[in-house]
Amino acid sequence: MVERRPSLGILAHVVMWLGVLIVAFPVYLAFIASTHTRDEIAQPPMPLLPGSHMVENYTAALTGSSGAQGSNAPVGRMMWVSLVTALVISIGKISISLLSAFAIVYFRFPFKKIVFWMIFVTLMLPVEVRILPTYKVLSDLNMLNTYAGLTIPLIASATATFLFRQFFLTVPDELVEAARMDGAGPMRFFWDVLVPLSKTSIAALFVIQFIYGWNQYLWPLLATTTEDMYPVVIGIRRMIASGDAANDWNIVMATAILAMLPPAVVVILMQKWFVKGLVDTEK
């Protein structure tokens, strides 16, 4: 029996709150900076309480009317590009991984194990390794500055395929036999049995892949050259002028806060499913 000591509980809570403060304080500073003017931020010491320019700064960021030295692309458009990219990548990864895992587990075809291990080996080939040939292919197909160019090279996932394969291997054979006796074909079994059983894993992977797609930086940096196709992560960098030019850090911080909101909303709304998909072993 584990002994419970009040002092250990207090220490655990103190450590937890210290961790929360360390993580949350930079976010708090970014929010405070987004409510002040550029001059108020530049004058030391920086204010630690919210200012009176919050609506003005966020409106300027969303509409691109700040007149800053860097990029003035509307953040609203950038967030739309990031949202479409994240949704297509997450839904595409899950859909392709479900189908590929289903084929590997439930169909017989030559070299099935070799095919699976070829998929698994792609984990050792991240985007950075294949980025030049991928860029060349997209350039030849005129897919730069398009949603397809932003998403298709990132839409496959060996990790998700592996996870779904491992889960499908735990599905009892009795379910397969029962579905066959009821006259269900392969796709009926897939949609009516496997997909409902996999819903918690799908939810957990959706959260992970959505954040992955939303935070993409390197590939969009190469695949986009026009401001109307910048995702918000690229937009933040473009808003910071190089050299000694005065940056509107209040607008930059407002953009950073706006960029954090959609992933935070997804995590909060799907927290229950996300945790259950990661720790629940009773499928």
C-alpha atoms as a PDB file:
ATOM      1  CA  MET A   1       0.000   0.000   0.000  1.00  0.00           C
ATOM      2  CA  VAL A   2       1.353   3.386  -0.985  1.00  0.00           C
ATOM      3  CA  GLU A   3       1.683   5.719   1.964  1.00  0.00           C
ATOM      4  CA  ARG A   4       0.145   9.147   1.450  1.00  0.00           C
ATOM      5  CA  ARG A   5       1.951  11.960   3.166  1.00  0.00           C
ATOM      6  CA  PRO A   6       0.487  15.488   3.217  1.00  0.00           C
ATOM      7  CA  SER A   7       3.951  16.990   2.769  1.00  0.00           C
ATOM      8  CA  LEU A   8       4.500  15.057  -0.475  1.00  0.00           C
ATOM      9  CA  GLY A   9       1.122  16.196  -1.782  1.00  0.00           C
ATOM     10  CA  ILE A  10       1.937  19.820  -1.019  1.00  0.00           C
ATOM     11  CA  LEU A  11       5.348  19.475  -2.692  1.00  0.00           C
ATOM     12  CA  ALA A  12       3.758  17.923  -5.785  1.00  0.00           C
ATOM     13  CA  HIS A  13       1.277  20.800  -6.056  1.00  0.00           C
ATOM     14  CA  VAL A  14       4.022  23.400  -5.587  1.00  0.00           C
ATOM     15  CA  VAL A  15       6.090  21.820  -8.366  1.00  0.00           C
ATOM     16  CA  MET A  16       3.013  21.635 -10.597  1.00  0.00           C
ATOM     17  CA  TRP A  17       2.160  25.316 -10.090  1.00  0.00           C
ATOM     18  CA  LEU A  18       5.778  26.319 -10.707  1.00  0.00           C
ATOM     19  CA  GLY A  19       5.671  24.432 -14.002  1.00  0.00           C
ATOM     20  CA  VAL A  20       2.406  26.147 -14.940  1.00  0.00           C
ATOM     21  CA  LEU A  21       3.864  29.572 -14.154  1.00  0.00           C
ATOM     22  CA  ILE A  22       7.024  28.903 -16.172  1.00  0.00           C
ATOM     23  CA  VAL A  23       4.975  27.846 -19.198  1.00  0.00           C
ATOM     24  CA  ALA A  24       2.213  30.445 -18.867  1.00  0.00           C
ATOM     25  CA  PHE A  25       4.273  33.554 -18.069  1.00  0.00           C
ATOM     26  CA  PRO A  26       5.632  34.074 -21.632  1.00  0.00           C
ATOM     27  CA  VAL A  27       2.082  33.680 -22.964  1.00  0.00           C
ATOM     28  CA  TYR A  28       0.891  36.244 -20.426  1.00  0.00           C
ATOM     29  CA  LEU A  29       3.621  38.672 -21.488  1.00  0.00           C
ATOM     30  CA  ALA A  30       2.636  38.210 -25.146  1.00  0.00           C
ATOM     31  CA  PHE A  31      -0.982  38.989 -24.277  1.00  0.00           C
ATOM     32  CA  ILE A  32       0.007  42.072 -22.250  1.00  0.00           C
ATOM     33  CA  ALA A  33       2.186  43.312 -25.130  1.00  0.00           C
ATOM     34  CA  SER A  34      -0.730  42.867 -27.534  1.00  0.00           C
ATOM     35  CA  THR A  35      -2.822  45.359 -25.531  1.00  0.00           C
ATOM     36  CA  HIS A  36      -0.326  48.236 -25.536  1.00  0.00           C
ATOM     37  CA  THR A  37       1.148  50.526 -28.175  1.00  0.00           C
ATOM     38  CA  ARG A  38       4.573  49.977 -29.676  1.00  0.00           C
ATOM     39  CA  ASP A  39       6.066  52.895 -27.724  1.00  0.00           C
ATOM     40  CA  GLU A  40       4.689  51.663 -24.400  1.00  0.00           C
ATOM     41  CA  ILE A  41       6.305  48.269 -24.948  1.00  0.00           C
ATOM     42  CA  ALA A  42       9.648  49.788 -25.944  1.00  0.00           C
ATOM     43  CA  GLN A  43       9.934  51.923 -22.796  1.00  0.00           C
ATOM     44  CA  PRO A  44      11.419  49.975 -19.882  1.00  0.00           C
ATOM     45  CA  PRO A  45      10.124  48.578 -17.694  1.00  0.00           C
ATOM     46  CA  MET A  46       7.546  46.803 -19.800  1.00  0.00           C
ATOM     47  CA  PRO A  47       3.994  47.030 -18.390  1.00  0.00           C
ATOM     48  CA  LEU A  48       2.710  43.903 -16.657  1.00  0.00           C
ATOM     49  CA  LEU A  49      -0.955  44.887 -16.720  1.00  0.00           C
ATOM     50  CA  PRO A  50      -3.287  44.977 -19.756  1.00  0.00           C
ATOM     51  CA  GLY A  51      -3.484  48.221 -21.699  1.00  0.00           C
ATOM     52  CA  SER A  52      -6.323  49.989 -23.466  1.00  0.00           C
ATOM     53  CA  HIS A  53      -5.396  49.219 -27.097  1.00  0.00           C
ATOM     54  CA  MET A  54      -6.468  45.589 -27.267  1.00  0.00           C
ATOM     55  CA  VAL A  55      -9.325  45.989 -29.749  1.00  0.00           C
ATOM     56  CA  GLU A  56      -7.281  48.351 -31.893  1.00  0.00           C
ATOM     57  CA  ASN A  57      -4.276  46.021 -32.074  1.00  0.00           C
ATOM     58  CA  TYR A  58      -6.243  42.845 -32.787  1.00  0.00           C
ATOM     59  CA  THR A  59      -8.307  44.609 -35.441  1.00  0.00           C
ATOM     60  CA  ALA A  60      -5.126  45.884 -37.104  1.00  0.00           C
ATOM     61  CA  ALA A  61      -3.651  42.399 -37.042  1.00  0.00           C
ATOM     62  CA  LEU A  62      -6.728  40.689 -38.457  1.00  0.00           C
ATOM     63  CA  THR A  63      -7.207  43.218 -41.258  1.00  0.00           C
ATOM     64  CA  GLY A  64      -3.522  43.901 -42.013  1.00  0.00           C
ATOM     65  CA  SER A  65      -3.922  47.657 -41.503  1.00  0.00           C
ATOM     66  CA  SER A  66      -1.032  48.237 -39.089  1.00  0.00           C
ATOM     67  CA  GLY A  67       1.347  49.816 -41.621  1.00  0.00           C
ATOM     68  CA  ALA A  68       4.320  47.970 -40.119  1.00  0.00           C
ATOM     69  CA  GLN A  69       7.728  47.661 -41.765  1.00  0.00           C
ATOM     70  CA  GLY A  70       7.320  43.908 -42.315  1.00  0.00           C
ATOM     71  CA  SER A  71       4.491  42.011 -43.950  1.00  0.00           C
ATOM     72  CA  ASN A  72       1.008  43.525 -43.649  1.00  0.00           C
ATOM     73  CA  ALA A  73      -0.907  40.467 -44.821  1.00  0.00           C
ATOM     74  CA  PRO A  74      -4.259  40.105 -43.024  1.00  0.00           C
ATOM     75  CA  VAL A  75      -3.954  37.637 -40.178  1.00  0.00           C
ATOM     76  CA  GLY A  76      -7.542  36.544 -40.781  1.00  0.00           C
ATOM     77  CA  ARG A  77      -6.528  35.233 -44.208  1.00  0.00           C
ATOM     78  CA  MET A  78      -3.414  33.574 -42.763  1.00  0.00           C
ATOM     79  CA  MET A  79      -5.452  31.811 -40.096  1.00  0.00           C
ATOM     80  CA  TRP A  80      -7.851  30.537 -42.763  1.00  0.00           C
ATOM     81  CA  VAL A  81      -4.919  29.094 -44.738  1.00  0.00           C
ATOM     82  CA  SER A  82      -3.543  27.464 -41.580  1.00  0.00           C
ATOM     83  CA  LEU A  83      -6.979  26.077 -40.680  1.00  0.00           C
ATOM     84  CA  VAL A  84      -7.525  24.521 -44.114  1.00  0.00           C
ATOM     85  CA  THR A  85      -3.985  23.125 -44.113  1.00  0.00           C
ATOM     86  CA  ALA A  86      -4.307  21.629 -40.621  1.00  0.00           C
ATOM     87  CA  LEU A  87      -7.719  20.082 -41.332  1.00  0.00           C
ATOM     88  CA  VAL A  88      -6.695  18.574 -44.661  1.00  0.00           C
ATOM     89  CA  ILE A  89      -3.463  17.172 -43.214  1.00  0.00           C
ATOM     90  CA  SER A  90      -5.122  15.695 -40.114  1.00  0.00           C
ATOM     91  CA  ILE A  91      -8.178  14.244 -41.882  1.00  0.00           C
ATOM     92  CA  GLY A  92      -6.065  13.053 -44.813  1.00  0.00           C
ATOM     93  CA  LYS A  93      -3.496  11.360 -42.576  1.00  0.00           C
ATOM     94  CA  ILE A  94      -6.179   9.574 -40.568  1.00  0.00           C
ATOM     95  CA  SER A  95      -8.151   8.475 -43.654  1.00  0.00           C
ATOM     96  CA  ILE A  96      -5.134   7.122 -45.523  1.00  0.00           C
ATOM     97  CA  SER A  97      -3.726   5.455 -42.400  1.00  0.00           C
ATOM     98  CA  LEU A  98      -7.032   3.748 -41.589  1.00  0.00           C
ATOM     99  CA  LEU A  99      -7.361   2.349 -45.104  1.00  0.00           C
ATOM    100  CA  SER A 100      -3.737   1.265 -45.373  1.00  0.00           C
ATOM    101  CA  ALA A 101      -3.800  -0.437 -41.960  1.00  0.00           C
ATOM    102  CA  PHE A 102      -7.081  -2.137 -42.895  1.00  0.00           C
ATOM    103  CA  ALA A 103      -5.551  -3.488 -46.096  1.00  0.00           C
ATOM    104  CA  ILE A 104      -2.377  -4.679 -44.370  1.00  0.00           C
ATOM    105  CA  VAL A 105      -4.243  -6.535 -41.602  1.00  0.00           C
ATOM    106  CA  TYR A 106      -7.298  -7.969 -43.363  1.00  0.00           C
ATOM    107  CA  PHE A 107      -6.233  -8.594 -46.969  1.00  0.00           C
ATOM    108  CA  ARG A 108      -3.849 -11.148 -48.381  1.00  0.00           C
ATOM    109  CA  PHE A 109      -1.530 -10.018 -51.158  1.00  0.00           C
ATOM    110  CA  PRO A 110       2.064 -10.802 -52.160  1.00  0.00           C
ATOM    111  CA  PHE A 111       4.848  -9.234 -50.096  1.00  0.00           C
ATOM    112  CA  LYS A 112       2.408  -7.884 -47.512  1.00  0.00           C
ATOM    113  CA  LYS A 113       5.013  -7.741 -44.732  1.00  0.00           C
ATOM    114  CA  ILE A 114       7.538  -6.105 -47.030  1.00  0.00           C
ATOM    115  CA  VAL A 115       4.977  -3.445 -47.949  1.00  0.00           C
ATOM    116  CA  PHE A 116       4.295  -2.735 -44.289  1.00  0.00           C
ATOM    117  CA  TRP A 117       7.974  -2.416 -43.431  1.00  0.00           C
ATOM    118  CA  MET A 118       8.516  -0.158 -46.440  1.00  0.00           C
ATOM    119  CA  ILE A 119       5.829   2.121 -45.026  1.00  0.00           C
ATOM    120  CA  PHE A 120       7.363   1.927 -41.557  1.00  0.00           C
ATOM    121  CA  VAL A 121      10.870   2.731 -42.846  1.00  0.00           C
ATOM    122  CA  THR A 122       9.604   6.100 -44.128  1.00  0.00           C
ATOM    123  CA  LEU A 123       9.733   7.248 -40.489  1.00  0.00           C
ATOM    124  CA  MET A 124      13.460   7.650 -41.095  1.00  0.00           C
ATOM    125  CA  LEU A 125      12.783  10.004 -44.023  1.00  0.00           C
ATOM    126  CA  PRO A 126      11.319  13.203 -42.585  1.00  0.00           C
ATOM    127  CA  VAL A 127      10.318  16.193 -44.677  1.00  0.00           C
ATOM    128  CA  GLU A 128      13.772  17.751 -44.324  1.00  0.00           C
ATOM    129  CA  VAL A 129      15.419  14.768 -46.067  1.00  0.00           C
ATOM    130  CA  ARG A 130      13.103  14.724 -49.098  1.00  0.00           C
ATOM    131  CA  ILE A 131      12.327  18.409 -49.266  1.00  0.00           C
ATOM    132  CA  LEU A 132      14.314  19.243 -52.424  1.00  0.00           C
ATOM    133  CA  PRO A 133      12.892  16.496 -54.675  1.00  0.00           C
ATOM    134  CA  THR A 134       9.408  17.186 -53.283  1.00  0.00           C
ATOM    135  CA  TYR A 135       9.776  20.875 -54.122  1.00  0.00           C
ATOM    136  CA  LYS A 136      10.963  20.001 -57.639  1.00  0.00           C
ATOM    137  CA  VAL A 137       7.951  17.751 -58.231  1.00  0.00           C
ATOM    138  CA  LEU A 138       5.480  20.367 -56.988  1.00  0.00           C
ATOM    139  CA  SER A 139       7.163  23.071 -59.039  1.00  0.00           C
ATOM    140  CA  ASP A 140       6.901  20.960 -62.204  1.00  0.00           C
ATOM    141  CA  LEU A 141       3.211  20.309 -61.462  1.00  0.00           C
ATOM    142  CA  ASN A 142       2.516  24.036 -60.836  1.00  0.00           C
ATOM    143  CA  MET A 143       1.320  23.283 -57.294  1.00  0.00           C
ATOM    144  CA  LEU A 144       3.258  26.006 -55.508  1.00  0.00           C
ATOM    145  CA  ASN A 145       1.123  28.599 -53.713  1.00  0.00           C
ATOM    146  CA  THR A 146      -1.828  26.200 -53.594  1.00  0.00           C
ATOM    147  CA  TYR A 147      -3.577  24.304 -50.822  1.00  0.00           C
ATOM    148  CA  ALA A 148      -2.679  21.046 -52.556  1.00  0.00           C
ATOM    149  CA  GLY A 149       0.994  21.985 -52.519  1.00  0.00           C
ATOM    150  CA  LEU A 150       0.817  22.793 -48.804  1.00  0.00           C
ATOM    151  CA  THR A 151      -0.917  19.576 -47.797  1.00  0.00           C
ATOM    152  CA  ILE A 152      -0.305  16.646 -50.179  1.00  0.00           C
ATOM    153  CA  PRO A 153       3.435  16.207 -49.361  1.00  0.00           C
ATOM    154  CA  LEU A 154       2.541  15.996 -45.635  1.00  0.00           C
ATOM    155  CA  ILE A 155      -0.599  13.889 -45.859  1.00  0.00           C
ATOM    156  CA  ALA A 156       0.872  10.393 -45.398  1.00  0.00           C
ATOM    157  CA  SER A 157       1.758   9.083 -41.940  1.00  0.00           C
ATOM    158  CA  ALA A 158       3.634   5.872 -41.194  1.00  0.00           C
ATOM    159  CA  THR A 159       3.132   6.436 -37.465  1.00  0.00           C
ATOM    160  CA  ALA A 160      -0.660   6.532 -37.726  1.00  0.00           C
ATOM    161  CA  THR A 161      -0.631   3.501 -40.033  1.00  0.00           C
ATOM    162  CA  PHE A 162       1.425   1.579 -37.480  1.00  0.00           C
ATOM    163  CA  LEU A 163      -0.854   2.563 -34.589  1.00  0.00           C
ATOM    164  CA  PHE A 164      -4.037   1.565 -36.451  1.00  0.00           C
ATOM    165  CA  ARG A 165      -2.428  -1.693 -37.576  1.00  0.00           C
ATOM    166  CA  GLN A 166      -1.532  -2.595 -34.008  1.00  0.00           C
ATOM    167  CA  PHE A 167      -5.080  -1.838 -32.889  1.00  0.00           C
ATOM    168  CA  PHE A 168      -6.699  -3.828 -35.723  1.00  0.00           C
ATOM    169  CA  LEU A 169      -4.574  -6.839 -34.739  1.00  0.00           C
ATOM    170  CA  THR A 170      -6.284  -6.804 -31.320  1.00  0.00           C
ATOM    171  CA  VAL A 171      -9.801  -6.963 -32.804  1.00  0.00           C
ATOM    172  CA  PRO A 172     -11.201 -10.472 -32.110  1.00  0.00           C
ATOM    173  CA  ASP A 173     -11.540 -12.782 -35.083  1.00  0.00           C
ATOM    174  CA  GLU A 174     -15.088 -13.523 -33.929  1.00  0.00           C
ATOM    175  CA  LEU A 175     -16.125 -10.042 -35.060  1.00  0.00           C
ATOM    176  CA  VAL A 176     -14.762 -10.725 -38.531  1.00  0.00           C
ATOM    177  CA  GLU A 177     -16.562 -14.062 -38.711  1.00  0.00           C
ATOM    178  CA  ALA A 178     -19.816 -12.561 -37.417  1.00  0.00           C
ATOM    179  CA  ALA A 179     -19.675  -9.782 -40.007  1.00  0.00           C
ATOM    180  CA  ARG A 180     -19.000 -12.319 -42.746  1.00  0.00           C
ATOM    181  CA  MET A 181     -21.919 -14.499 -41.657  1.00  0.00           C
ATOM    182  CA  ASP A 182     -24.206 -11.449 -41.700  1.00  0.00           C
ATOM    183  CA  GLY A 183     -23.224 -10.834 -45.310  1.00  0.00           C
ATOM    184  CA  ALA A 184     -21.158  -7.728 -44.667  1.00  0.00           C
ATOM    185  CA  GLY A 185     -18.501  -7.003 -47.257  1.00  0.00           C
ATOM    186  CA  PRO A 186     -15.025  -5.661 -46.461  1.00  0.00           C
ATOM    187  CA  MET A 187     -15.988  -1.989 -46.602  1.00  0.00           C
ATOM    188  CA  ARG A 188     -19.173  -2.570 -44.582  1.00  0.00           C
ATOM    189  CA  PHE A 189     -17.066  -4.268 -41.908  1.00  0.00           C
ATOM    190  CA  PHE A 190     -14.619  -1.371 -42.073  1.00  0.00           C
ATOM    191  CA  TRP A 191     -17.247   1.373 -41.668  1.00  0.00           C
ATOM    192  CA  ASP A 192     -19.625  -0.350 -39.243  1.00  0.00           C
ATOM    193  CA  VAL A 193     -17.126  -2.177 -37.011  1.00  0.00           C
ATOM    194  CA  LEU A 194     -13.540  -0.966 -37.253  1.00  0.00           C
ATOM    195  CA  VAL A 195     -14.122   2.786 -37.524  1.00  0.00           C
ATOM    196  CA  PRO A 196     -16.486   2.956 -34.477  1.00  0.00           C
ATOM    197  CA  LEU A 197     -14.038   0.860 -32.455  1.00  0.00           C
ATOM    198  CA  SER A 198     -11.214   3.207 -33.457  1.00  0.00           C
ATOM    199  CA  LYS A 199     -12.986   6.472 -32.593  1.00  0.00           C
ATOM    200  CA  THR A 200     -10.893   7.240 -29.497  1.00  0.00           C
ATOM    201  CA  SER A 201      -7.651   6.566 -31.386  1.00  0.00           C
ATOM    202  CA  ILE A 202      -8.927   8.700 -34.271  1.00  0.00           C
ATOM    203  CA  ALA A 203      -9.699  11.563 -31.875  1.00  0.00           C
ATOM    204  CA  ALA A 204      -6.256  11.402 -30.260  1.00  0.00           C
ATOM    205  CA  LEU A 205      -4.520  11.318 -33.630  1.00  0.00           C
ATOM    206  CA  PHE A 206      -6.689  14.168 -34.920  1.00  0.00           C
ATOM    207  CA  VAL A 207      -5.536  16.437 -32.093  1.00  0.00           C
ATOM    208  CA  ILE A 208      -1.878  15.541 -32.648  1.00  0.00           C
ATOM    209  CA  GLN A 209      -2.050  15.886 -36.433  1.00  0.00           C
ATOM    210  CA  PHE A 210      -4.053  19.125 -36.295  1.00  0.00           C
ATOM    211  CA  ILE A 211      -1.382  20.757 -34.150  1.00  0.00           C
ATOM    212  CA  TYR A 212       1.289  19.272 -36.432  1.00  0.00           C
ATOM    213  CA  GLY A 213      -0.369  20.771 -39.500  1.00  0.00           C
ATOM    214  CA  TRP A 214      -1.070  24.118 -37.846  1.00  0.00           C
ATOM    215  CA  ASN A 215       2.546  24.569 -36.713  1.00  0.00           C
ATOM    216  CA  GLN A 216       4.169  23.712 -40.041  1.00  0.00           C
ATOM    217  CA  TYR A 217       6.922  26.201 -40.874  1.00  0.00           C
ATOM    218  CA  LEU A 218       9.693  24.769 -43.065  1.00  0.00           C
ATOM    219  CA  TRP A 219       7.575  23.319 -45.866  1.00  0.00           C
ATOM    220  CA  PRO A 220       5.206  26.336 -46.201  1.00  0.00           C
ATOM    221  CA  LEU A 221       8.290  28.560 -46.205  1.00  0.00           C
ATOM    222  CA  LEU A 222       9.331  26.924 -49.492  1.00  0.00           C
ATOM    223  CA  ALA A 223       5.916  26.158 -50.978  1.00  0.00           C
ATOM    224  CA  THR A 224       4.477  29.687 -50.645  1.00  0.00           C
ATOM    225  CA  THR A 225       5.788  32.904 -52.161  1.00  0.00           C
ATOM    226  CA  THR A 226       2.687  35.115 -52.080  1.00  0.00           C
ATOM    227  CA  GLU A 227       1.172  36.724 -49.006  1.00  0.00           C
ATOM    228  CA  ASP A 228      -2.323  35.391 -49.682  1.00  0.00           C
ATOM    229  CA  MET A 229      -1.054  31.820 -49.125  1.00  0.00           C
ATOM    230  CA  TYR A 230       1.020  32.434 -45.990  1.00  0.00           C
ATOM    231  CA  PRO A 231      -0.023  30.299 -43.008  1.00  0.00           C
ATOM    232  CA  VAL A 232      -0.064  32.203 -39.757  1.00  0.00           C
ATOM    233  CA  VAL A 233       3.250  30.743 -38.516  1.00  0.00           C
ATOM    234  CA  ILE A 234       5.003  32.089 -41.615  1.00  0.00           C
ATOM    235  CA  GLY A 235       3.085  35.343 -41.281  1.00  0.00           C
ATOM    236  CA  ILE A 236       4.471  35.984 -37.812  1.00  0.00           C
ATOM    237  CA  ARG A 237       8.020  35.696 -39.136  1.00  0.00           C
ATOM    238  CA  ARG A 238       7.268  37.901 -42.159  1.00  0.00           C
ATOM    239  CA  MET A 239       5.866  40.608 -39.896  1.00  0.00           C
ATOM    240  CA  ILE A 240       9.259  41.042 -38.211  1.00  0.00           C
ATOM    241  CA  ALA A 241      11.326  43.383 -40.366  1.00  0.00           C
ATOM    242  CA  SER A 242      15.038  42.722 -40.700  1.00  0.00           C
ATOM    243  CA  GLY A 243      17.759  45.205 -39.824  1.00  0.00           C
ATOM    244  CA  ASP A 244      17.141  48.105 -37.491  1.00  0.00           C
ATOM    245  CA  ALA A 245      13.597  48.799 -38.664  1.00  0.00           C
ATOM    246  CA  ALA A 246      11.133  49.493 -35.871  1.00  0.00           C
ATOM    247  CA  ASN A 247       8.785  46.544 -35.518  1.00  0.00           C
ATOM    248  CA  ASP A 248       5.223  46.817 -34.269  1.00  0.00           C
ATOM    249  CA  TRP A 249       5.701  44.238 -31.569  1.00  0.00           C
ATOM    250  CA  ASN A 250       2.207  44.850 -30.249  1.00  0.00           C
ATOM    251  CA  ILE A 251       0.784  43.637 -33.594  1.00  0.00           C
ATOM    252  CA  VAL A 252       3.235  40.740 -33.711  1.00  0.00           C
ATOM    253  CA  MET A 253       2.216  39.651 -30.220  1.00  0.00           C
ATOM    254  CA  ALA A 254      -1.468  39.981 -31.103  1.00  0.00           C
ATOM    255  CA  THR A 255      -0.854  37.715 -34.094  1.00  0.00           C
ATOM    256  CA  ALA A 256       0.974  35.208 -31.898  1.00  0.00           C
ATOM    257  CA  ILE A 257      -1.963  35.093 -29.464  1.00  0.00           C
ATOM    258  CA  LEU A 258      -4.416  34.612 -32.337  1.00  0.00           C
ATOM    259  CA  ALA A 259      -2.222  31.825 -33.730  1.00  0.00           C
ATOM    260  CA  MET A 260      -2.384  29.968 -30.407  1.00  0.00           C
ATOM    261  CA  LEU A 261      -6.163  30.031 -30.128  1.00  0.00           C
ATOM    262  CA  PRO A 262      -7.302  27.350 -32.652  1.00  0.00           C
ATOM    263  CA  PRO A 263      -4.949  24.587 -31.391  1.00  0.00           C
ATOM    264  CA  ALA A 264      -5.898  25.457 -27.813  1.00  0.00           C
ATOM    265  CA  VAL A 265      -9.609  25.269 -28.680  1.00  0.00           C
ATOM    266  CA  VAL A 266      -9.134  21.881 -30.378  1.00  0.00           C
ATOM    267  CA  VAL A 267      -7.253  20.485 -27.369  1.00  0.00           C
ATOM    268  CA  ILE A 268      -9.827  21.813 -24.893  1.00  0.00           C
ATOM    269  CA  LEU A 269     -12.841  20.556 -26.846  1.00  0.00           C
ATOM    270  CA  MET A 270     -11.322  17.121 -27.505  1.00  0.00           C
ATOM    271  CA  GLN A 271      -9.413  16.716 -24.243  1.00  0.00           C
ATOM    272  CA  LYS A 272     -11.594  13.858 -22.989  1.00  0.00           C
ATOM    273  CA  TRP A 273     -11.318  11.905 -26.252  1.00  0.00           C
ATOM    274  CA  PHE A 274      -7.622  12.704 -26.569  1.00  0.00           C
ATOM    275  CA  VAL A 275      -6.725  11.347 -23.121  1.00  0.00           C
ATOM    276  CA  LYS A 276      -8.989   8.328 -23.541  1.00  0.00           C
ATOM    277  CA  GLY A 277      -7.443   7.503 -26.903  1.00  0.00           C
ATOM    278  CA  LEU A 278      -3.944   7.577 -25.402  1.00  0.00           C
ATOM    279  CA  VAL A 279      -4.529   5.670 -22.143  1.00  0.00           C
ATOM    280  CA  ASP A 280      -7.661   3.579 -22.596  1.00  0.00           C
ATOM    281  CA  THR A 281      -6.802  -0.060 -23.168  1.00  0.00           C
ATOM    282  CA  GLU A 282     -10.367  -1.441 -23.102  1.00  0.00           C
ATOM    283  CA  LYS A 283     -11.443  -1.184 -26.706  1.00  0.00           C
END
